[in-house]
Amino acid sequence: MIKKGLKVKVLCGRDKSKEGEVIEIDRSRNRAKVKDINMVKKHVKTTKEKKGGIFSKESFIHISNLKLIDEKLKSKKKEAKK
């Protein structure tokens, strides 16, 4: 089960084979935000309080496109190869 704070690997899409940490999860839509994955540009209008412009931020990606990475198994595989 994918939870907030765990490391995951992207299985398909433009960020295929990249790894990152889960920031946020939307259980109702089965989607998750991963740090520095699926970056989109957001155009923000200037207001009295905030300066506008173009900002990059993470967008949601479907949970079926993510694979949980187990750090313990990863280190064991490296030791077995040596």
PDB file of N, CA and C in Angstrom:
ATOM      1  N   MET A   1       0.844  -1.185   0.000  1.00  0.00           N
ATOM      2  CA  MET A   1       0.000   0.000   0.000  1.00  0.00           C
ATOM      3  C   MET A   1       0.886   1.244   0.000  1.00  0.00           C
ATOM      4  N   ILE A   2       0.553   2.173  -0.863  1.00  0.00           N
ATOM      5  CA  ILE A   2       1.328   3.400  -0.976  1.00  0.00           C
ATOM      6  C   ILE A   2       0.817   4.408   0.043  1.00  0.00           C
ATOM      7  N   LYS A   3       1.749   4.944   0.831  1.00  0.00           N
ATOM      8  CA  LYS A   3       1.406   5.905   1.866  1.00  0.00           C
ATOM      9  C   LYS A   3       2.297   7.134   1.734  1.00  0.00           C
ATOM     10  N   LYS A   4       1.904   8.205   2.408  1.00  0.00           N
ATOM     11  CA  LYS A   4       2.665   9.445   2.400  1.00  0.00           C
ATOM     12  C   LYS A   4       4.031   9.218   3.041  1.00  0.00           C
ATOM     13  N   GLY A   5       5.088   9.709   2.386  1.00  0.00           N
ATOM     14  CA  GLY A   5       6.429   9.598   2.927  1.00  0.00           C
ATOM     15  C   GLY A   5       7.227   8.420   2.397  1.00  0.00           C
ATOM     16  N   LEU A   6       6.587   7.475   1.687  1.00  0.00           N
ATOM     17  CA  LEU A   6       7.299   6.310   1.155  1.00  0.00           C
ATOM     18  C   LEU A   6       7.926   6.631  -0.198  1.00  0.00           C
ATOM     19  N   LYS A   7       8.972   5.897  -0.555  1.00  0.00           N
ATOM     20  CA  LYS A   7       9.635   6.072  -1.850  1.00  0.00           C
ATOM     21  C   LYS A   7       8.950   5.191  -2.884  1.00  0.00           C
ATOM     22  N   VAL A   8       8.721   5.779  -4.074  1.00  0.00           N
ATOM     23  CA  VAL A   8       8.082   5.052  -5.163  1.00  0.00           C
ATOM     24  C   VAL A   8       8.853   5.275  -6.458  1.00  0.00           C
ATOM     25  N   LYS A   9       8.603   4.385  -7.430  1.00  0.00           N
ATOM     26  CA  LYS A   9       9.205   4.485  -8.758  1.00  0.00           C
ATOM     27  C   LYS A   9       8.074   4.599  -9.768  1.00  0.00           C
ATOM     28  N   VAL A  10       8.228   5.478 -10.769  1.00  0.00           N
ATOM     29  CA  VAL A  10       7.211   5.681 -11.790  1.00  0.00           C
ATOM     30  C   VAL A  10       7.381   4.616 -12.869  1.00  0.00           C
ATOM     31  N   LEU A  11       6.271   3.934 -13.226  1.00  0.00           N
ATOM     32  CA  LEU A  11       6.326   2.835 -14.182  1.00  0.00           C
ATOM     33  C   LEU A  11       6.073   3.268 -15.624  1.00  0.00           C
ATOM     34  N   CYS A  12       5.294   4.328 -15.842  1.00  0.00           N
ATOM     35  CA  CYS A  12       5.033   4.762 -17.212  1.00  0.00           C
ATOM     36  C   CYS A  12       4.782   6.265 -17.251  1.00  0.00           C
ATOM     37  N   GLY A  13       4.839   6.829 -18.448  1.00  0.00           N
ATOM     38  CA  GLY A  13       4.655   8.263 -18.629  1.00  0.00           C
ATOM     39  C   GLY A  13       5.969   8.942 -18.944  1.00  0.00           C
ATOM     40  N   ARG A  14       5.962  10.265 -18.964  1.00  0.00           N
ATOM     41  CA  ARG A  14       7.172  11.002 -19.340  1.00  0.00           C
ATOM     42  C   ARG A  14       8.255  10.948 -18.266  1.00  0.00           C
ATOM     43  N   ASP A  15       7.886  10.609 -17.042  1.00  0.00           N
ATOM     44  CA  ASP A  15       8.850  10.490 -15.939  1.00  0.00           C
ATOM     45  C   ASP A  15       9.151   9.027 -15.611  1.00  0.00           C
ATOM     46  N   LYS A  16       9.069   8.165 -16.608  1.00  0.00           N
ATOM     47  CA  LYS A  16       9.282   6.733 -16.416  1.00  0.00           C
ATOM     48  C   LYS A  16      10.650   6.448 -15.802  1.00  0.00           C
ATOM     49  N   SER A  17      10.694   5.532 -14.845  1.00  0.00           N
ATOM     50  CA  SER A  17      11.876   5.037 -14.130  1.00  0.00           C
ATOM     51  C   SER A  17      12.484   6.061 -13.168  1.00  0.00           C
ATOM     52  N   LYS A  18      11.812   7.184 -12.932  1.00  0.00           N
ATOM     53  CA  LYS A  18      12.277   8.132 -11.922  1.00  0.00           C
ATOM     54  C   LYS A  18      11.738   7.719 -10.561  1.00  0.00           C
ATOM     55  N   GLU A  19      12.470   8.102  -9.517  1.00  0.00           N
ATOM     56  CA  GLU A  19      12.075   7.761  -8.159  1.00  0.00           C
ATOM     57  C   GLU A  19      11.839   9.036  -7.364  1.00  0.00           C
ATOM     58  N   GLY A  20      10.928   8.944  -6.388  1.00  0.00           N
ATOM     59  CA  GLY A  20      10.650  10.094  -5.546  1.00  0.00           C
ATOM     60  C   GLY A  20       9.837   9.707  -4.326  1.00  0.00           C
ATOM     61  N   GLU A  21       9.588  10.694  -3.485  1.00  0.00           N
ATOM     62  CA  GLU A  21       8.856  10.490  -2.236  1.00  0.00           C
ATOM     63  C   GLU A  21       7.424  10.992  -2.397  1.00  0.00           C
ATOM     64  N   VAL A  22       6.459  10.234  -1.861  1.00  0.00           N
ATOM     65  CA  VAL A  22       5.053  10.608  -1.946  1.00  0.00           C
ATOM     66  C   VAL A  22       4.800  11.790  -1.006  1.00  0.00           C
ATOM     67  N   ILE A  23       4.231  12.869  -1.561  1.00  0.00           N
ATOM     68  CA  ILE A  23       3.936  14.074  -0.794  1.00  0.00           C
ATOM     69  C   ILE A  23       2.495  14.069  -0.293  1.00  0.00           C
ATOM     70  N   GLU A  24       1.577  13.678  -1.169  1.00  0.00           N
ATOM     71  CA  GLU A  24       0.150  13.778  -0.875  1.00  0.00           C
ATOM     72  C   GLU A  24      -0.580  12.652  -1.590  1.00  0.00           C
ATOM     73  N   ILE A  25      -1.702  12.188  -1.006  1.00  0.00           N
ATOM     74  CA  ILE A  25      -2.497  11.121  -1.609  1.00  0.00           C
ATOM     75  C   ILE A  25      -3.963  11.542  -1.642  1.00  0.00           C
ATOM     76  N   ASP A  26      -4.621  11.279  -2.781  1.00  0.00           N
ATOM     77  CA  ASP A  26      -6.057  11.505  -2.928  1.00  0.00           C
ATOM     78  C   ASP A  26      -6.701  10.132  -3.089  1.00  0.00           C
ATOM     79  N   ARG A  27      -7.204   9.580  -1.991  1.00  0.00           N
ATOM     80  CA  ARG A  27      -7.756   8.219  -1.991  1.00  0.00           C
ATOM     81  C   ARG A  27      -9.036   8.109  -2.819  1.00  0.00           C
ATOM     82  N   SER A  28      -9.849   9.156  -2.864  1.00  0.00           N
ATOM     83  CA  SER A  28     -11.119   9.085  -3.600  1.00  0.00           C
ATOM     84  C   SER A  28     -10.896   8.939  -5.111  1.00  0.00           C
ATOM     85  N   ARG A  29      -9.813   9.534  -5.619  1.00  0.00           N
ATOM     86  CA  ARG A  29      -9.510   9.447  -7.055  1.00  0.00           C
ATOM     87  C   ARG A  29      -8.339   8.518  -7.360  1.00  0.00           C
ATOM     88  N   ASN A  30      -7.783   7.838  -6.336  1.00  0.00           N
ATOM     89  CA  ASN A  30      -6.660   6.908  -6.501  1.00  0.00           C
ATOM     90  C   ASN A  30      -5.449   7.570  -7.150  1.00  0.00           C
ATOM     91  N   ARG A  31      -5.084   8.738  -6.646  1.00  0.00           N
ATOM     92  CA  ARG A  31      -3.956   9.479  -7.200  1.00  0.00           C
ATOM     93  C   ARG A  31      -3.019   9.921  -6.099  1.00  0.00           C
ATOM     94  N   ALA A  32      -1.756  10.146  -6.479  1.00  0.00           N
ATOM     95  CA  ALA A  32      -0.739  10.568  -5.515  1.00  0.00           C
ATOM     96  C   ALA A  32       0.157  11.627  -6.145  1.00  0.00           C
ATOM     97  N   LYS A  33       0.697  12.524  -5.301  1.00  0.00           N
ATOM     98  CA  LYS A  33       1.689  13.507  -5.733  1.00  0.00           C
ATOM     99  C   LYS A  33       3.044  13.012  -5.278  1.00  0.00           C
ATOM    100  N   VAL A  34       4.009  13.012  -6.201  1.00  0.00           N
ATOM    101  CA  VAL A  34       5.363  12.565  -5.903  1.00  0.00           C
ATOM    102  C   VAL A  34       6.303  13.747  -6.106  1.00  0.00           C
ATOM    103  N   LYS A  35       7.246  13.910  -5.194  1.00  0.00           N
ATOM    104  CA  LYS A  35       8.158  15.052  -5.230  1.00  0.00           C
ATOM    105  C   LYS A  35       8.983  15.048  -6.523  1.00  0.00           C
ATOM    106  N   ASP A  36       8.964  16.183  -7.243  1.00  0.00           N
ATOM    107  CA  ASP A  36       9.694  16.408  -8.493  1.00  0.00           C
ATOM    108  C   ASP A  36       9.299  15.469  -9.630  1.00  0.00           C
ATOM    109  N   ILE A  37       8.079  14.920  -9.592  1.00  0.00           N
ATOM    110  CA  ILE A  37       7.577  14.048 -10.659  1.00  0.00           C
ATOM    111  C   ILE A  37       6.287  14.668 -11.204  1.00  0.00           C
ATOM    112  N   ASN A  38       6.085  14.576 -12.526  1.00  0.00           N
ATOM    113  CA  ASN A  38       4.881  15.081 -13.192  1.00  0.00           C
ATOM    114  C   ASN A  38       4.719  16.584 -12.944  1.00  0.00           C
ATOM    115  N   MET A  39       5.791  17.329 -13.193  1.00  0.00           N
ATOM    116  CA  MET A  39       5.780  18.779 -12.986  1.00  0.00           C
ATOM    117  C   MET A  39       4.958  19.462 -14.089  1.00  0.00           C
ATOM    118  N   VAL A  40       4.108  20.415 -13.690  1.00  0.00           N
ATOM    119  CA  VAL A  40       3.294  21.181 -14.627  1.00  0.00           C
ATOM    120  C   VAL A  40       3.497  22.669 -14.352  1.00  0.00           C
ATOM    121  N   LYS A  41       3.244  23.482 -15.369  1.00  0.00           N
ATOM    122  CA  LYS A  41       3.359  24.934 -15.220  1.00  0.00           C
ATOM    123  C   LYS A  41       1.984  25.487 -14.855  1.00  0.00           C
ATOM    124  N   LYS A  42       1.953  26.356 -13.852  1.00  0.00           N
ATOM    125  CA  LYS A  42       0.709  26.974 -13.385  1.00  0.00           C
ATOM    126  C   LYS A  42       0.835  28.482 -13.559  1.00  0.00           C
ATOM    127  N   HIS A  43      -0.079  29.088 -14.319  1.00  0.00           N
ATOM    128  CA  HIS A  43      -0.095  30.531 -14.515  1.00  0.00           C
ATOM    129  C   HIS A  43      -0.936  31.152 -13.409  1.00  0.00           C
ATOM    130  N   VAL A  44      -0.331  32.064 -12.639  1.00  0.00           N
ATOM    131  CA  VAL A  44      -1.003  32.680 -11.498  1.00  0.00           C
ATOM    132  C   VAL A  44      -1.142  34.174 -11.757  1.00  0.00           C
ATOM    133  N   LYS A  45      -2.345  34.679 -11.528  1.00  0.00           N
ATOM    134  CA  LYS A  45      -2.629  36.097 -11.726  1.00  0.00           C
ATOM    135  C   LYS A  45      -2.121  36.903 -10.534  1.00  0.00           C
ATOM    136  N   THR A  46      -1.664  38.113 -10.789  1.00  0.00           N
ATOM    137  CA  THR A  46      -1.169  38.988  -9.731  1.00  0.00           C
ATOM    138  C   THR A  46      -2.337  39.511  -8.896  1.00  0.00           C
ATOM    139  N   THR A  47      -2.171  39.502  -7.570  1.00  0.00           N
ATOM    140  CA  THR A  47      -3.151  40.077  -6.658  1.00  0.00           C
ATOM    141  C   THR A  47      -2.444  41.094  -5.770  1.00  0.00           C
ATOM    142  N   LYS A  48      -3.183  41.700  -4.865  1.00  0.00           N
ATOM    143  CA  LYS A  48      -2.579  42.677  -3.952  1.00  0.00           C
ATOM    144  C   LYS A  48      -1.575  42.019  -3.019  1.00  0.00           C
ATOM    145  N   GLU A  49      -1.866  40.781  -2.602  1.00  0.00           N
ATOM    146  CA  GLU A  49      -1.006  40.080  -1.655  1.00  0.00           C
ATOM    147  C   GLU A  49       0.137  39.319  -2.327  1.00  0.00           C
ATOM    148  N   LYS A  50      -0.122  38.728  -3.500  1.00  0.00           N
ATOM    149  CA  LYS A  50       0.866  37.847  -4.131  1.00  0.00           C
ATOM    150  C   LYS A  50       1.262  38.350  -5.510  1.00  0.00           C
ATOM    151  N   LYS A  51       2.515  38.096  -5.850  1.00  0.00           N
ATOM    152  CA  LYS A  51       3.023  38.406  -7.177  1.00  0.00           C
ATOM    153  C   LYS A  51       2.659  37.251  -8.108  1.00  0.00           C
ATOM    154  N   GLY A  52       2.221  37.556  -9.293  1.00  0.00           N
ATOM    155  CA  GLY A  52       1.838  36.533 -10.260  1.00  0.00           C
ATOM    156  C   GLY A  52       3.023  36.037 -11.052  1.00  0.00           C
ATOM    157  N   GLY A  53       2.750  35.131 -11.975  1.00  0.00           N
ATOM    158  CA  GLY A  53       3.793  34.593 -12.833  1.00  0.00           C
ATOM    159  C   GLY A  53       3.524  33.141 -13.178  1.00  0.00           C
ATOM    160  N   ILE A  54       4.536  32.482 -13.690  1.00  0.00           N
ATOM    161  CA  ILE A  54       4.436  31.072 -14.065  1.00  0.00           C
ATOM    162  C   ILE A  54       5.222  30.266 -13.048  1.00  0.00           C
ATOM    163  N   PHE A  55       4.546  29.338 -12.389  1.00  0.00           N
ATOM    164  CA  PHE A  55       5.169  28.512 -11.360  1.00  0.00           C
ATOM    165  C   PHE A  55       5.103  27.045 -11.754  1.00  0.00           C
ATOM    166  N   SER A  56       6.135  26.280 -11.407  1.00  0.00           N
ATOM    167  CA  SER A  56       6.133  24.832 -11.610  1.00  0.00           C
ATOM    168  C   SER A  56       5.739  24.153 -10.313  1.00  0.00           C
ATOM    169  N   LYS A  57       4.852  23.149 -10.426  1.00  0.00           N
ATOM    170  CA  LYS A  57       4.447  22.402  -9.246  1.00  0.00           C
ATOM    171  C   LYS A  57       4.133  20.971  -9.650  1.00  0.00           C
ATOM    172  N   GLU A  58       4.088  20.081  -8.655  1.00  0.00           N
ATOM    173  CA  GLU A  58       3.783  18.685  -8.915  1.00  0.00           C
ATOM    174  C   GLU A  58       2.293  18.513  -9.181  1.00  0.00           C
ATOM    175  N   SER A  59       1.974  17.584 -10.065  1.00  0.00           N
ATOM    176  CA  SER A  59       0.590  17.245 -10.332  1.00  0.00           C
ATOM    177  C   SER A  59       0.364  15.793  -9.896  1.00  0.00           C
ATOM    178  N   PHE A  60      -0.903  15.423  -9.748  1.00  0.00           N
ATOM    179  CA  PHE A  60      -1.219  14.065  -9.318  1.00  0.00           C
ATOM    180  C   PHE A  60      -0.923  13.063 -10.430  1.00  0.00           C
ATOM    181  N   ILE A  61      -0.544  11.849 -10.030  1.00  0.00           N
ATOM    182  CA  ILE A  61      -0.311  10.733 -10.946  1.00  0.00           C
ATOM    183  C   ILE A  61      -1.070   9.534 -10.393  1.00  0.00           C
ATOM    184  N   HIS A  62      -1.616   8.703 -11.273  1.00  0.00           N
ATOM    185  CA  HIS A  62      -2.433   7.575 -10.828  1.00  0.00           C
ATOM    186  C   HIS A  62      -1.576   6.550 -10.083  1.00  0.00           C
ATOM    187  N   ILE A  63      -2.162   5.980  -9.033  1.00  0.00           N
ATOM    188  CA  ILE A  63      -1.427   5.049  -8.169  1.00  0.00           C
ATOM    189  C   ILE A  63      -0.995   3.796  -8.935  1.00  0.00           C
ATOM    190  N   SER A  64      -1.755   3.395  -9.970  1.00  0.00           N
ATOM    191  CA  SER A  64      -1.395   2.203 -10.737  1.00  0.00           C
ATOM    192  C   SER A  64      -0.103   2.396 -11.515  1.00  0.00           C
ATOM    193  N   ASN A  65       0.330   3.636 -11.706  1.00  0.00           N
ATOM    194  CA  ASN A  65       1.568   3.931 -12.427  1.00  0.00           C
ATOM    195  C   ASN A  65       2.767   4.050 -11.493  1.00  0.00           C
ATOM    196  N   LEU A  66       2.574   3.728 -10.211  1.00  0.00           N
ATOM    197  CA  LEU A  66       3.639   3.812  -9.226  1.00  0.00           C
ATOM    198  C   LEU A  66       3.952   2.437  -8.657  1.00  0.00           C
ATOM    199  N   LYS A  67       5.237   2.238  -8.330  1.00  0.00           N
ATOM    200  CA  LYS A  67       5.677   0.986  -7.722  1.00  0.00           C
ATOM    201  C   LYS A  67       6.409   1.325  -6.440  1.00  0.00           C
ATOM    202  N   LEU A  68       6.038   0.653  -5.361  1.00  0.00           N
ATOM    203  CA  LEU A  68       6.660   0.890  -4.065  1.00  0.00           C
ATOM    204  C   LEU A  68       8.078   0.339  -4.072  1.00  0.00           C
ATOM    205  N   ILE A  69       9.026   1.127  -3.560  1.00  0.00           N
ATOM    206  CA  ILE A  69      10.424   0.710  -3.484  1.00  0.00           C
ATOM    207  C   ILE A  69      10.732   0.333  -2.048  1.00  0.00           C
ATOM    208  N   ASP A  70      11.257  -0.869  -1.843  1.00  0.00           N
ATOM    209  CA  ASP A  70      11.639  -1.317  -0.508  1.00  0.00           C
ATOM    210  C   ASP A  70      13.155  -1.205  -0.401  1.00  0.00           C
ATOM    211  N   GLU A  71      13.627  -0.292   0.416  1.00  0.00           N
ATOM    212  CA  GLU A  71      15.065  -0.025   0.548  1.00  0.00           C
ATOM    213  C   GLU A  71      15.821  -1.250   1.070  1.00  0.00           C
ATOM    214  N   LYS A  72      15.197  -2.051   1.923  1.00  0.00           N
ATOM    215  CA  LYS A  72      15.862  -3.231   2.482  1.00  0.00           C
ATOM    216  C   LYS A  72      16.166  -4.246   1.390  1.00  0.00           C
ATOM    217  N   LEU A  73      15.200  -4.494   0.500  1.00  0.00           N
ATOM    218  CA  LEU A  73      15.408  -5.453  -0.586  1.00  0.00           C
ATOM    219  C   LEU A  73      16.452  -4.941  -1.575  1.00  0.00           C
ATOM    220  N   LYS A  74      16.465  -3.650  -1.810  1.00  0.00           N
ATOM    221  CA  LYS A  74      17.405  -3.052  -2.758  1.00  0.00           C
ATOM    222  C   LYS A  74      18.851  -3.288  -2.314  1.00  0.00           C
ATOM    223  N   SER A  75      19.124  -3.090  -1.016  1.00  0.00           N
ATOM    224  CA  SER A  75      20.481  -3.274  -0.515  1.00  0.00           C
ATOM    225  C   SER A  75      20.873  -4.754  -0.508  1.00  0.00           C
ATOM    226  N   LYS A  76      19.919  -5.655  -0.280  1.00  0.00           N
ATOM    227  CA  LYS A  76      20.210  -7.088  -0.286  1.00  0.00           C
ATOM    228  C   LYS A  76      20.578  -7.568  -1.692  1.00  0.00           C
ATOM    229  N   LYS A  77      19.911  -7.024  -2.712  1.00  0.00           N
ATOM    230  CA  LYS A  77      20.193  -7.405  -4.089  1.00  0.00           C
ATOM    231  C   LYS A  77      21.614  -6.979  -4.476  1.00  0.00           C
ATOM    232  N   LYS A  78      22.023  -5.792  -4.050  1.00  0.00           N
ATOM    233  CA  LYS A  78      23.368  -5.307  -4.356  1.00  0.00           C
ATOM    234  C   LYS A  78      24.418  -6.182  -3.701  1.00  0.00           C
ATOM    235  N   GLU A  79      24.163  -6.626  -2.465  1.00  0.00           N
ATOM    236  CA  GLU A  79      25.111  -7.483  -1.752  1.00  0.00           C
ATOM    237  C   GLU A  79      25.193  -8.856  -2.412  1.00  0.00           C
ATOM    238  N   ALA A  80      24.091  -9.352  -2.927  1.00  0.00           N
ATOM    239  CA  ALA A  80      24.069 -10.662  -3.567  1.00  0.00           C
ATOM    240  C   ALA A  80      24.863 -10.649  -4.864  1.00  0.00           C
ATOM    241  N   LYS A  81      24.852  -9.534  -5.602  1.00  0.00           N
ATOM    242  CA  LYS A  81      25.589  -9.433  -6.852  1.00  0.00           C
ATOM    243  C   LYS A  81      27.102  -9.417  -6.613  1.00  0.00           C
ATOM    244  N   LYS A  82      27.523  -8.854  -5.491  1.00  0.00           N
ATOM    245  CA  LYS A  82      28.954  -8.776  -5.195  1.00  0.00           C
ATOM    246  C   LYS A  82      29.435 -10.138  -4.817  1.00  0.00           C
TER     247      LYS A  82
END
